[in-house]
Amino acid sequence: MAKFTVRVELHNTPLQEDYQRLNAAMECRGFKRTITAVAPSQKYLLPERTYSYTGRQENADDILRLVQCIVGAMGLSAAIVVTQVAVRRFSGLDEVP
């Protein structure tokens, strides 16, 4: 399974509602706003506008195209960064209750 971290910054001074719509659209396509630590098994909230995705056979190009389609279907444009994760380390994230 391939894991990805995706960052999306909407262009043209987006409204908070635009990001709420984006979060909902991304979630419908399997993107999450959380990550889970391996040990101990605890969920953490990612920074705003950052998503985690786990796919079966997708590569970074596939994920980029998918996110471009999601943003485009909303009638918006965005700066998008997709990174395929080999090892993920983090600190300072809020735990999900």
C-alpha atoms as a PDB file:
ATOM      1  CA  MET A   1       0.000   0.000   0.000  1.00  0.00           C
ATOM      2  CA  ALA A   2       1.266   3.439  -0.932  1.00  0.00           C
ATOM      3  CA  LYS A   3       0.917   6.352   1.500  1.00  0.00           C
ATOM      4  CA  PHE A   4       0.872  10.008   0.534  1.00  0.00           C
ATOM      5  CA  THR A   5       0.881  13.397   2.209  1.00  0.00           C
ATOM      6  CA  VAL A   6      -0.955  16.085   0.238  1.00  0.00           C
ATOM      7  CA  ARG A   7      -0.948  19.849   0.792  1.00  0.00           C
ATOM      8  CA  VAL A   8      -3.533  22.068  -0.947  1.00  0.00           C
ATOM      9  CA  GLU A   9      -3.492  25.885  -0.898  1.00  0.00           C
ATOM     10  CA  LEU A  10      -6.447  27.416  -2.719  1.00  0.00           C
ATOM     11  CA  HIS A  11      -5.739  30.473  -4.902  1.00  0.00           C
ATOM     12  CA  ASN A  12      -7.487  33.855  -5.072  1.00  0.00           C
ATOM     13  CA  THR A  13      -8.125  34.593  -1.389  1.00  0.00           C
ATOM     14  CA  PRO A  14     -10.423  31.666  -0.643  1.00  0.00           C
ATOM     15  CA  LEU A  15     -13.138  31.832   1.966  1.00  0.00           C
ATOM     16  CA  GLN A  16     -13.221  29.528   4.988  1.00  0.00           C
ATOM     17  CA  GLU A  17     -16.271  27.898   3.355  1.00  0.00           C
ATOM     18  CA  ASP A  18     -14.112  26.981   0.346  1.00  0.00           C
ATOM     19  CA  TYR A  19     -11.794  24.995   2.611  1.00  0.00           C
ATOM     20  CA  GLN A  20     -14.762  23.370   4.341  1.00  0.00           C
ATOM     21  CA  ARG A  21     -16.068  22.272   0.937  1.00  0.00           C
ATOM     22  CA  LEU A  22     -12.579  21.071  -0.020  1.00  0.00           C
ATOM     23  CA  ASN A  23     -12.266  19.050   3.202  1.00  0.00           C
ATOM     24  CA  ALA A  24     -15.638  17.384   2.526  1.00  0.00           C
ATOM     25  CA  ALA A  25     -14.762  16.642  -1.110  1.00  0.00           C
ATOM     26  CA  MET A  26     -11.354  15.232  -0.180  1.00  0.00           C
ATOM     27  CA  GLU A  27     -12.881  13.072   2.545  1.00  0.00           C
ATOM     28  CA  CYS A  28     -15.400  11.649   0.051  1.00  0.00           C
ATOM     29  CA  ARG A  29     -12.436  10.526  -2.078  1.00  0.00           C
ATOM     30  CA  GLY A  30     -10.639   8.803   0.796  1.00  0.00           C
ATOM     31  CA  PHE A  31      -8.330  11.582   2.004  1.00  0.00           C
ATOM     32  CA  LYS A  32      -8.005  12.026   5.757  1.00  0.00           C
ATOM     33  CA  ARG A  33      -7.121  15.006   7.939  1.00  0.00           C
ATOM     34  CA  THR A  34      -5.550  12.670  10.494  1.00  0.00           C
ATOM     35  CA  ILE A  35      -2.648  10.270  10.726  1.00  0.00           C
ATOM     36  CA  THR A  36      -2.181   7.362  13.101  1.00  0.00           C
ATOM     37  CA  ALA A  37       1.004   6.740  15.041  1.00  0.00           C
ATOM     38  CA  VAL A  38       2.271   3.180  14.976  1.00  0.00           C
ATOM     39  CA  ALA A  39       3.167   2.923  18.648  1.00  0.00           C
ATOM     40  CA  PRO A  40       1.122   3.751  20.542  1.00  0.00           C
ATOM     41  CA  SER A  41      -1.798   3.583  18.158  1.00  0.00           C
ATOM     42  CA  GLN A  42      -3.114   7.152  18.471  1.00  0.00           C
ATOM     43  CA  LYS A  43      -4.656   9.486  15.880  1.00  0.00           C
ATOM     44  CA  TYR A  44      -3.313  12.989  15.316  1.00  0.00           C
ATOM     45  CA  LEU A  45      -4.793  15.934  13.438  1.00  0.00           C
ATOM     46  CA  LEU A  46      -2.717  17.138  10.485  1.00  0.00           C
ATOM     47  CA  PRO A  47      -2.058  20.863   9.967  1.00  0.00           C
ATOM     48  CA  GLU A  48      -4.737  22.800   8.080  1.00  0.00           C
ATOM     49  CA  ARG A  49      -4.896  22.118   4.326  1.00  0.00           C
ATOM     50  CA  THR A  50      -2.872  18.911   4.710  1.00  0.00           C
ATOM     51  CA  TYR A  51      -4.227  15.445   3.995  1.00  0.00           C
ATOM     52  CA  SER A  52      -3.140  11.834   4.246  1.00  0.00           C
ATOM     53  CA  TYR A  53      -4.060   9.233   1.648  1.00  0.00           C
ATOM     54  CA  THR A  54      -3.448   5.503   1.500  1.00  0.00           C
ATOM     55  CA  GLY A  55      -3.868   3.839  -1.876  1.00  0.00           C
ATOM     56  CA  ARG A  56      -3.465   0.391  -3.278  1.00  0.00           C
ATOM     57  CA  GLN A  57      -1.623   0.973  -6.540  1.00  0.00           C
ATOM     58  CA  GLU A  58      -1.674   4.728  -7.103  1.00  0.00           C
ATOM     59  CA  ASN A  59       1.489   6.749  -7.549  1.00  0.00           C
ATOM     60  CA  ALA A  60       2.134  10.442  -6.858  1.00  0.00           C
ATOM     61  CA  ASP A  61       1.068  11.418 -10.394  1.00  0.00           C
ATOM     62  CA  ASP A  62      -2.279   9.641  -9.943  1.00  0.00           C
ATOM     63  CA  ILE A  63      -2.888  11.400  -6.636  1.00  0.00           C
ATOM     64  CA  LEU A  64      -1.939  14.795  -8.084  1.00  0.00           C
ATOM     65  CA  ARG A  65      -4.404  14.330 -10.957  1.00  0.00           C
ATOM     66  CA  LEU A  66      -7.117  13.225  -8.529  1.00  0.00           C
ATOM     67  CA  VAL A  67      -6.654  16.307  -6.332  1.00  0.00           C
ATOM     68  CA  GLN A  68      -6.560  18.571  -9.415  1.00  0.00           C
ATOM     69  CA  CYS A  69      -9.911  17.077 -10.473  1.00  0.00           C
ATOM     70  CA  ILE A  70     -11.412  17.577  -7.001  1.00  0.00           C
ATOM     71  CA  VAL A  71     -10.323  21.228  -6.885  1.00  0.00           C
ATOM     72  CA  GLY A  72     -11.339  21.860 -10.506  1.00  0.00           C
ATOM     73  CA  ALA A  73     -14.802  20.342  -9.955  1.00  0.00           C
ATOM     74  CA  MET A  74     -15.283  22.934  -7.222  1.00  0.00           C
ATOM     75  CA  GLY A  75     -14.519  25.707  -9.724  1.00  0.00           C
ATOM     76  CA  LEU A  76     -11.319  26.616  -7.885  1.00  0.00           C
ATOM     77  CA  SER A  77      -7.582  26.523  -8.521  1.00  0.00           C
ATOM     78  CA  ALA A  78      -4.847  25.598  -6.081  1.00  0.00           C
ATOM     79  CA  ALA A  79      -1.194  24.994  -5.380  1.00  0.00           C
ATOM     80  CA  ILE A  80      -0.869  21.251  -4.699  1.00  0.00           C
ATOM     81  CA  VAL A  81       2.060  19.231  -3.351  1.00  0.00           C
ATOM     82  CA  VAL A  82       1.958  15.423  -3.251  1.00  0.00           C
ATOM     83  CA  THR A  83       4.651  13.412  -1.489  1.00  0.00           C
ATOM     84  CA  GLN A  84       4.799   9.619  -1.415  1.00  0.00           C
ATOM     85  CA  VAL A  85       5.707   8.575   2.101  1.00  0.00           C
ATOM     86  CA  ALA A  86       8.399   6.021   2.864  1.00  0.00           C
ATOM     87  CA  VAL A  87       8.790   7.060   6.501  1.00  0.00           C
ATOM     88  CA  ARG A  88       6.674   9.647   8.300  1.00  0.00           C
ATOM     89  CA  ARG A  89       7.801  11.404  11.457  1.00  0.00           C
ATOM     90  CA  PHE A  90       5.966  14.232  13.180  1.00  0.00           C
ATOM     91  CA  SER A  91       5.756  16.237  16.373  1.00  0.00           C
ATOM     92  CA  GLY A  92       3.510  18.870  17.887  1.00  0.00           C
ATOM     93  CA  LEU A  93       0.308  17.588  16.311  1.00  0.00           C
ATOM     94  CA  ASP A  94      -2.903  17.601  18.340  1.00  0.00           C
ATOM     95  CA  GLU A  95      -4.267  14.225  19.392  1.00  0.00           C
ATOM     96  CA  VAL A  96      -7.734  13.339  18.178  1.00  0.00           C
ATOM     97  CA  PRO A  97      -9.909  12.573  21.226  1.00  0.00           C
END
